Amino acid sequence: MKKYTMNIALATALLGATVVQASEFGGMYIGGKMGMNRSDISGVANAAGKSTQTFGFEEGYNWDMENFLVGGSFFADFNQKTTHTAVPDLYYGSNTIGLDLKLGLPGSNWMPYAKLGWARVTGSGVFPASQFKYTNDLHLGLGVEYKFAPNWSAAGELTTAASKINGSKLDNRNIAIGLNYYFDTPAAAPVIVAAVAPVVVKEEPKPAPAPVPAPAPEPVPETWKTLLENKPVCIEGAEFEFDSARLRSGEIRKLDEVVSFAEKYSDAQLEADGHTCSIGTEAYNQGLSERRAESVKAYLVRKGVAADRITAVGYGESRPMADNKTREGRELNRRVEVCTVLKVEKRVRVTK
């Protein structure tokens, strides 16, 4: 007969501002924007400031640098023509293309950022605006971006560029809102962990007692056979920050223990079950729990565990393990549990 002991390692994943996986804003993106352009000309030629519509697009790539984000992008702005007060009145607009460097400070779903780069302005319309041809200018910007879906974000920003030629200066100041699409889904994201290390302890049969002088009875014939038995294992306790599904740097090594477990038990199917506390609507918490479960699955797949071995399931706030009326209870309920079923051998004695 054998005794089976399961050693379960519980993981606590409290997400902070520092992450080692891709943040919500890492990777390649493309976006469009629209808003208001405020333009004027000063110097040798003059035209009063006037507002008009502007449209544009941007594409770029962002890199995570632990506590902050660095990116590079190409942009184009198309500032529509309008009549500016001058002597005589001037009807003009301008187009701007350029390259920017971006520095951002990503939080859970929000990221303020600053831009610094090069712009080439081309005036359109009547002189003196038409003299601004292919000038090389400084481009500055400030903005904030919000990730409202795994691949989509909204952004609002203020940018400025000043073009100088022949003693005149064309100022462009744009306020725009935009929509960006990210090609890489964060894993966030990222999340949990718990490793299972099964230990089997065998007890050898005790030796038969020494024979006695009296005649011993006929021994009872016996045989042994081996059966396969299903052993369910559920690893729970991985906790998350409020309204987040990303990992802290200190928890990554624990996820690697899950990878080792998956390598040792190559036939085991894993299920990542995401949960939340009761703060928020049921519909929102359902989506949050699914993102947490997907974060675990994404990390394990990147570490070599086959995607078809892992099922990500979200249960929202429907399965609390602690009291949601206390802060400590809510923290315990923001978790992901990894469950599986192991097939283990069991020897049984058969008496003939």
Protein backbone atom coordinates (compact mmCIF):
# COMPACT_ATOMS: atom_id res chain seq x y z
CA MET A 1 0.00 0.00 0.00
CA LYS A 2 1.22 3.53 -0.72
CA LYS A 3 0.57 6.88 0.89
CA TYR A 4 0.34 9.94 -1.39
CA THR A 5 1.31 13.38 -0.14
CA MET A 6 0.82 16.56 -2.18
CA ASN A 7 3.00 19.60 -1.37
CA ILE A 8 1.24 22.68 -2.74
CA ALA A 9 3.12 26.01 -3.08
CA LEU A 10 0.76 28.99 -2.78
CA ALA A 11 1.72 32.18 -4.70
CA THR A 12 0.80 35.79 -3.78
CA ALA A 13 0.90 38.16 -6.80
CA LEU A 14 0.35 41.75 -5.60
CA LEU A 15 0.65 43.94 -8.70
CA GLY A 16 2.44 47.28 -8.35
CA ALA A 17 3.53 49.92 -10.78
CA THR A 18 6.65 47.92 -11.67
CA VAL A 19 6.16 45.05 -14.12
CA VAL A 20 8.55 42.81 -15.99
CA GLN A 21 6.09 41.64 -18.62
CA ALA A 22 4.76 43.82 -21.37
CA SER A 23 2.64 46.63 -19.99
CA GLU A 24 -0.77 47.51 -21.42
CA PHE A 25 0.97 49.87 -23.90
CA GLY A 26 3.93 47.79 -25.13
CA GLY A 27 4.41 46.72 -28.77
CA MET A 28 3.43 47.99 -32.23
CA TYR A 29 0.37 50.23 -32.72
CA ILE A 30 -1.40 52.37 -35.34
CA GLY A 31 -3.99 55.06 -34.76
CA GLY A 32 -6.00 57.97 -36.12
CA LYS A 33 -6.86 61.31 -34.55
CA MET A 34 -8.93 64.45 -35.06
CA GLY A 35 -9.28 67.76 -33.30
CA MET A 36 -8.57 71.51 -33.51
CA ASN A 37 -5.60 73.36 -35.05
CA ARG A 38 -4.72 76.90 -33.92
CA SER A 39 -2.38 78.63 -36.40
CA ASP A 40 -0.87 82.09 -36.90
CA ILE A 41 1.97 83.78 -38.82
CA SER A 42 4.30 86.40 -37.26
CA GLY A 43 7.43 88.31 -38.30
CA VAL A 44 7.88 89.87 -41.75
CA ALA A 45 4.46 88.54 -42.71
CA ASN A 46 1.58 88.48 -40.24
CA ALA A 47 -1.74 86.65 -39.96
CA ALA A 48 -3.91 86.53 -36.84
CA GLY A 49 -4.52 83.25 -35.05
CA LYS A 50 -7.49 81.22 -36.23
CA SER A 51 -8.84 77.77 -35.34
CA THR A 52 -9.75 75.06 -37.83
CA GLN A 53 -10.12 71.28 -38.01
CA THR A 54 -7.18 68.89 -38.12
CA PHE A 55 -6.94 65.21 -38.94
CA GLY A 56 -4.01 62.82 -38.71
CA PHE A 57 -2.61 59.38 -38.12
CA GLU A 58 0.30 57.83 -36.24
CA GLU A 59 2.11 54.50 -36.14
CA GLY A 60 4.89 53.42 -33.82
CA TYR A 61 6.39 50.93 -31.39
CA ASN A 62 6.74 51.09 -27.58
CA TRP A 63 9.31 49.32 -25.38
CA ASP A 64 8.84 48.61 -21.66
CA MET A 65 11.72 49.73 -19.41
CA GLU A 66 10.40 48.40 -16.06
CA ASN A 67 9.07 51.63 -14.45
CA PHE A 68 8.57 53.57 -17.68
CA LEU A 69 8.00 53.19 -21.40
CA VAL A 70 10.03 54.44 -24.39
CA GLY A 71 8.59 54.60 -27.89
CA GLY A 72 9.20 55.87 -31.40
CA SER A 73 6.55 56.91 -33.91
CA PHE A 74 5.88 58.40 -37.35
CA PHE A 75 3.01 60.91 -37.57
CA ALA A 76 1.18 63.05 -40.12
CA ASP A 77 -1.18 66.00 -39.37
CA PHE A 78 -3.42 67.62 -41.99
CA ASN A 79 -4.47 71.11 -40.80
CA GLN A 80 -7.41 72.34 -42.85
CA LYS A 81 -7.46 75.71 -44.63
CA THR A 82 -9.34 78.66 -43.15
CA THR A 83 -9.36 82.48 -43.54
CA HIS A 84 -7.01 84.37 -41.18
CA THR A 85 -7.36 88.11 -40.46
CA ALA A 86 -4.52 90.03 -42.20
CA VAL A 87 -3.96 92.77 -44.76
CA PRO A 88 -5.32 91.38 -46.97
CA ASP A 89 -7.01 88.34 -45.34
CA LEU A 90 -5.13 85.08 -45.88
CA TYR A 91 -6.68 81.72 -46.69
CA TYR A 92 -4.23 78.97 -45.75
CA GLY A 93 -3.59 75.69 -43.92
CA SER A 94 -0.63 73.34 -43.49
CA ASN A 95 0.47 69.70 -43.44
CA THR A 96 3.02 68.25 -41.01
CA ILE A 97 4.89 64.95 -41.03
CA GLY A 98 7.59 63.87 -38.60
CA LEU A 99 9.20 61.43 -36.18
CA ASP A 100 8.78 61.52 -32.39
CA LEU A 101 10.37 59.90 -29.37
CA LYS A 102 7.85 59.11 -26.61
CA LEU A 103 8.42 58.77 -22.84
CA GLY A 104 5.49 57.35 -20.84
CA LEU A 105 4.71 56.36 -17.24
CA PRO A 106 2.23 53.44 -17.54
CA GLY A 107 -0.13 52.62 -14.69
CA SER A 108 -2.74 49.89 -14.73
CA ASN A 109 -4.75 51.22 -17.73
CA TRP A 110 -3.62 54.90 -17.86
CA MET A 111 -0.40 56.36 -19.23
CA PRO A 112 0.64 60.04 -19.27
CA TYR A 113 3.38 60.71 -21.82
CA ALA A 114 5.57 63.38 -23.42
CA LYS A 115 6.84 63.63 -27.02
CA LEU A 116 9.95 65.22 -28.51
CA GLY A 117 10.85 64.99 -32.18
CA TRP A 118 11.36 66.39 -35.66
CA ALA A 119 8.64 67.84 -37.90
CA ARG A 120 8.54 68.96 -41.53
CA VAL A 121 5.85 71.61 -42.19
CA THR A 122 4.43 72.41 -45.62
CA GLY A 123 2.13 75.44 -45.94
CA SER A 124 -0.84 75.36 -48.30
CA GLY A 125 -2.95 78.18 -49.70
CA VAL A 126 -1.92 81.74 -50.52
CA PHE A 127 1.41 83.52 -49.86
CA PRO A 128 3.04 83.91 -47.32
CA ALA A 129 1.83 80.51 -46.05
CA SER A 130 2.86 78.86 -49.30
CA GLN A 131 6.53 79.82 -48.73
CA PHE A 132 6.81 77.36 -45.83
CA LYS A 133 8.08 74.38 -47.80
CA TYR A 134 9.76 71.37 -46.20
CA THR A 135 11.13 73.20 -43.16
CA ASN A 136 12.81 71.17 -40.42
CA ASP A 137 11.30 72.04 -37.05
CA LEU A 138 11.08 70.94 -33.41
CA HIS A 139 7.93 69.01 -32.48
CA LEU A 140 6.72 68.86 -28.84
CA GLY A 141 3.73 67.17 -27.24
CA LEU A 142 2.00 66.14 -24.00
CA GLY A 143 -0.83 63.62 -23.69
CA VAL A 144 -2.57 60.88 -21.79
CA GLU A 145 -3.70 57.45 -23.04
CA TYR A 146 -6.32 55.03 -21.66
CA LYS A 147 -6.46 51.31 -22.51
CA PHE A 148 -10.16 50.34 -22.53
CA ALA A 149 -9.78 46.94 -24.24
CA PRO A 150 -6.92 44.43 -24.72
CA ASN A 151 -6.01 45.86 -28.16
CA TRP A 152 -7.63 49.35 -28.11
CA SER A 153 -6.85 52.66 -26.43
CA ALA A 154 -8.07 56.27 -26.54
CA ALA A 155 -5.68 59.22 -26.32
CA GLY A 156 -5.84 62.99 -25.94
CA GLU A 157 -2.82 65.19 -26.63
CA LEU A 158 -1.54 68.73 -27.18
CA THR A 159 1.26 69.23 -29.76
CA THR A 160 3.09 72.26 -31.11
CA ALA A 161 5.48 73.00 -34.01
CA ALA A 162 6.93 76.34 -35.17
CA SER A 163 8.22 76.69 -38.75
CA LYS A 164 10.56 79.59 -39.69
CA ILE A 165 11.53 80.88 -43.15
CA ASN A 166 12.49 84.27 -44.65
CA GLY A 167 11.97 86.12 -41.37
CA SER A 168 8.44 84.78 -40.81
CA LYS A 169 7.25 82.11 -38.36
CA LEU A 170 4.25 79.78 -38.77
CA ASP A 171 2.97 78.45 -35.42
CA ASN A 172 0.79 75.34 -35.23
CA ARG A 173 -0.80 74.19 -31.94
CA ASN A 174 -3.01 71.10 -32.14
CA ILE A 175 -5.42 69.63 -29.59
CA ALA A 176 -6.63 66.19 -30.72
CA ILE A 177 -8.25 62.99 -29.51
CA GLY A 178 -7.45 59.66 -31.11
CA LEU A 179 -8.06 55.93 -31.22
CA ASN A 180 -5.13 53.44 -31.31
CA TYR A 181 -4.98 49.75 -32.14
CA TYR A 182 -2.24 47.60 -30.53
CA PHE A 183 -1.19 44.50 -32.47
CA ASP A 184 0.17 42.71 -29.36
CA THR A 185 -2.30 41.65 -26.70
CA PRO A 186 -0.73 42.27 -23.28
CA ALA A 187 -0.49 39.48 -21.04
CA ALA A 188 -0.44 41.28 -18.93
CA ALA A 189 -0.49 40.72 -18.49
CA PRO A 190 0.01 39.15 -16.92
CA VAL A 191 -0.44 36.78 -12.43
CA ILE A 192 -0.40 33.90 -10.73
CA VAL A 193 1.01 30.95 -9.68
CA ALA A 194 1.09 27.90 -7.81
CA ALA A 195 3.13 24.84 -8.20
CA VAL A 196 2.37 21.29 -7.28
CA ALA A 197 5.08 18.87 -6.29
CA PRO A 198 3.70 15.41 -5.69
CA VAL A 199 5.68 13.21 -3.33
CA VAL A 200 5.04 9.50 -3.07
CA VAL A 201 6.01 7.67 0.10
CA LYS A 202 6.08 3.88 -0.04
CA GLU A 203 5.66 1.60 2.89
CA GLU A 204 7.27 -1.76 2.36
CA PRO A 205 5.33 -4.83 3.64
CA LYS A 206 6.43 -5.98 7.03
CA PRO A 207 8.37 -9.25 7.06
CA ALA A 208 6.42 -12.35 7.95
CA PRO A 209 6.80 -13.54 11.55
CA ALA A 210 9.38 -16.21 12.28
CA PRO A 211 8.05 -19.76 11.98
CA VAL A 212 6.99 -21.57 15.17
CA PRO A 213 7.63 -25.20 15.92
CA ALA A 214 3.96 -26.04 15.45
CA PRO A 215 2.89 -26.77 11.88
CA ALA A 216 2.02 -23.56 10.06
CA PRO A 217 -1.28 -23.27 8.21
CA GLU A 218 -1.29 -23.26 4.48
CA PRO A 219 -0.43 -19.73 3.28
CA VAL A 220 -3.24 -17.91 1.53
CA PRO A 221 -2.25 -17.25 -2.06
CA GLU A 222 -2.32 -13.57 -2.88
CA THR A 223 -1.48 -11.36 -5.81
CA TRP A 224 -1.15 -7.66 -6.39
CA LYS A 225 -2.44 -5.53 -9.22
CA THR A 226 -1.93 -1.90 -10.14
CA LEU A 227 -4.83 0.48 -10.75
CA LEU A 228 -4.81 4.02 -12.15
CA GLU A 229 -6.58 6.55 -9.95
CA ASN A 230 -7.53 10.18 -10.74
CA LYS A 231 -6.21 12.68 -8.19
CA PRO A 232 -7.69 16.20 -8.58
CA VAL A 233 -5.30 19.00 -7.63
CA CYS A 234 -6.42 22.65 -7.27
CA ILE A 235 -3.81 25.34 -6.61
CA GLU A 236 -5.33 28.48 -5.21
CA GLY A 237 -4.33 31.71 -3.49
CA ALA A 238 -2.67 33.85 -6.19
CA GLU A 239 -3.84 37.39 -5.43
CA PHE A 240 -4.02 40.53 -7.62
CA GLU A 241 -4.14 44.27 -7.18
CA PHE A 242 -7.57 45.85 -7.42
CA ASP A 243 -8.82 46.16 -11.04
CA SER A 244 -5.66 44.61 -12.53
CA ALA A 245 -4.44 41.42 -14.16
CA ARG A 246 -0.66 41.89 -14.34
CA LEU A 247 2.31 40.41 -12.50
CA ARG A 248 4.89 41.82 -10.10
CA SER A 249 8.51 41.04 -10.84
CA GLY A 250 8.88 38.97 -7.67
CA GLU A 251 6.21 36.46 -8.74
CA ILE A 252 7.67 35.43 -12.13
CA ARG A 253 9.89 32.68 -10.66
CA LYS A 254 6.82 31.01 -9.14
CA LEU A 255 5.18 30.79 -12.55
CA ASP A 256 8.30 28.96 -13.71
CA GLU A 257 7.53 26.29 -11.10
CA VAL A 258 4.18 25.73 -12.84
CA VAL A 259 6.11 25.36 -16.13
CA SER A 260 8.33 22.72 -14.48
CA PHE A 261 5.24 20.91 -13.22
CA ALA A 262 3.73 20.95 -16.74
CA GLU A 263 6.97 19.52 -18.17
CA LYS A 264 7.06 16.72 -15.57
CA TYR A 265 3.40 15.79 -16.12
CA SER A 266 3.24 16.21 -19.89
CA ASP A 267 -0.24 14.62 -20.15
CA ALA A 268 -1.84 16.87 -17.53
CA GLN A 269 -4.45 19.37 -18.73
CA LEU A 270 -4.39 22.68 -16.81
CA GLU A 271 -7.31 25.00 -16.09
CA ALA A 272 -6.63 28.60 -15.00
CA ASP A 273 -9.68 29.86 -13.06
CA GLY A 274 -9.88 33.65 -12.60
CA HIS A 275 -11.81 35.31 -9.72
CA THR A 276 -12.49 38.84 -8.42
CA CYS A 277 -13.80 40.54 -5.29
CA SER A 278 -17.33 41.98 -5.22
CA ILE A 279 -16.40 45.61 -5.99
CA GLY A 280 -17.79 46.62 -9.40
CA THR A 281 -20.56 45.24 -11.58
CA GLU A 282 -20.94 41.54 -12.20
CA ALA A 283 -20.39 42.04 -15.95
CA TYR A 284 -17.15 44.00 -15.44
CA ASN A 285 -15.83 41.54 -12.85
CA GLN A 286 -16.58 38.66 -15.22
CA GLY A 287 -14.37 40.25 -17.88
CA LEU A 288 -11.64 41.07 -15.33
CA SER A 289 -11.55 37.47 -14.09
CA GLU A 290 -11.23 36.23 -17.69
CA ARG A 291 -8.31 38.61 -18.33
CA ARG A 292 -6.54 37.35 -15.20
CA ALA A 293 -6.93 33.76 -16.32
CA GLU A 294 -5.73 34.64 -19.84
CA SER A 295 -2.66 36.36 -18.34
CA VAL A 296 -1.61 33.10 -16.68
CA LYS A 297 -2.21 31.11 -19.84
CA ALA A 298 -0.23 33.60 -21.97
CA TYR A 299 2.82 33.43 -19.68
CA LEU A 300 2.82 29.61 -19.58
CA VAL A 301 2.52 29.43 -23.40
CA ARG A 302 5.48 31.78 -23.79
CA LYS A 303 7.47 29.45 -21.53
CA GLY A 304 6.79 26.44 -23.76
CA VAL A 305 3.56 24.91 -22.38
CA ALA A 306 1.31 23.99 -25.31
CA ALA A 307 -1.69 26.31 -25.61
CA ASP A 308 -4.09 23.39 -26.17
CA ARG A 309 -3.17 22.03 -22.70
CA ILE A 310 -4.44 25.16 -20.91
CA THR A 311 -8.03 26.35 -20.52
CA ALA A 312 -8.62 29.88 -19.20
CA VAL A 313 -11.97 30.36 -17.39
CA GLY A 314 -13.34 33.39 -15.56
CA TYR A 315 -15.83 33.08 -12.68
CA GLY A 316 -16.13 36.78 -11.83
CA GLU A 317 -17.22 37.34 -8.21
CA SER A 318 -19.36 34.18 -8.04
CA ARG A 319 -16.91 31.99 -6.09
CA PRO A 320 -15.42 33.95 -3.17
CA MET A 321 -13.05 32.11 -0.84
CA ALA A 322 -13.23 34.80 1.88
CA ASP A 323 -15.58 37.49 3.22
CA ASN A 324 -15.95 40.37 0.73
CA LYS A 325 -16.99 42.69 3.59
CA THR A 326 -13.39 42.99 4.80
CA ARG A 327 -10.34 44.34 3.02
CA GLU A 328 -8.37 41.19 3.74
CA GLY A 329 -11.16 39.03 2.37
CA ARG A 330 -11.41 41.03 -0.84
CA GLU A 331 -7.65 40.73 -1.37
CA LEU A 332 -7.89 36.95 -1.07
CA ASN A 333 -10.75 36.86 -3.56
CA ARG A 334 -8.70 38.64 -6.27
CA ARG A 335 -7.02 35.43 -7.36
CA VAL A 336 -6.44 32.77 -9.98
CA GLU A 337 -6.54 29.06 -9.19
CA VAL A 338 -4.82 26.47 -11.40
CA CYS A 339 -6.54 23.08 -11.38
CA THR A 340 -5.65 19.72 -12.94
CA VAL A 341 -6.23 16.00 -12.53
CA LEU A 342 -3.27 13.61 -12.17
CA LYS A 343 -3.37 9.90 -12.90
CA VAL A 344 -1.46 8.02 -10.18
CA GLU A 345 -0.85 4.34 -9.64
CA LYS A 346 -2.45 2.47 -6.75
CA ARG A 347 -1.52 -1.10 -5.83
CA VAL A 348 -4.22 -3.32 -4.35
CA ARG A 349 -3.93 -6.84 -2.99
CA VAL A 350 -6.10 -9.53 -4.54
CA THR A 351 -6.63 -12.71 -2.48
CA LYS A 352 -7.40 -15.87 -4.35
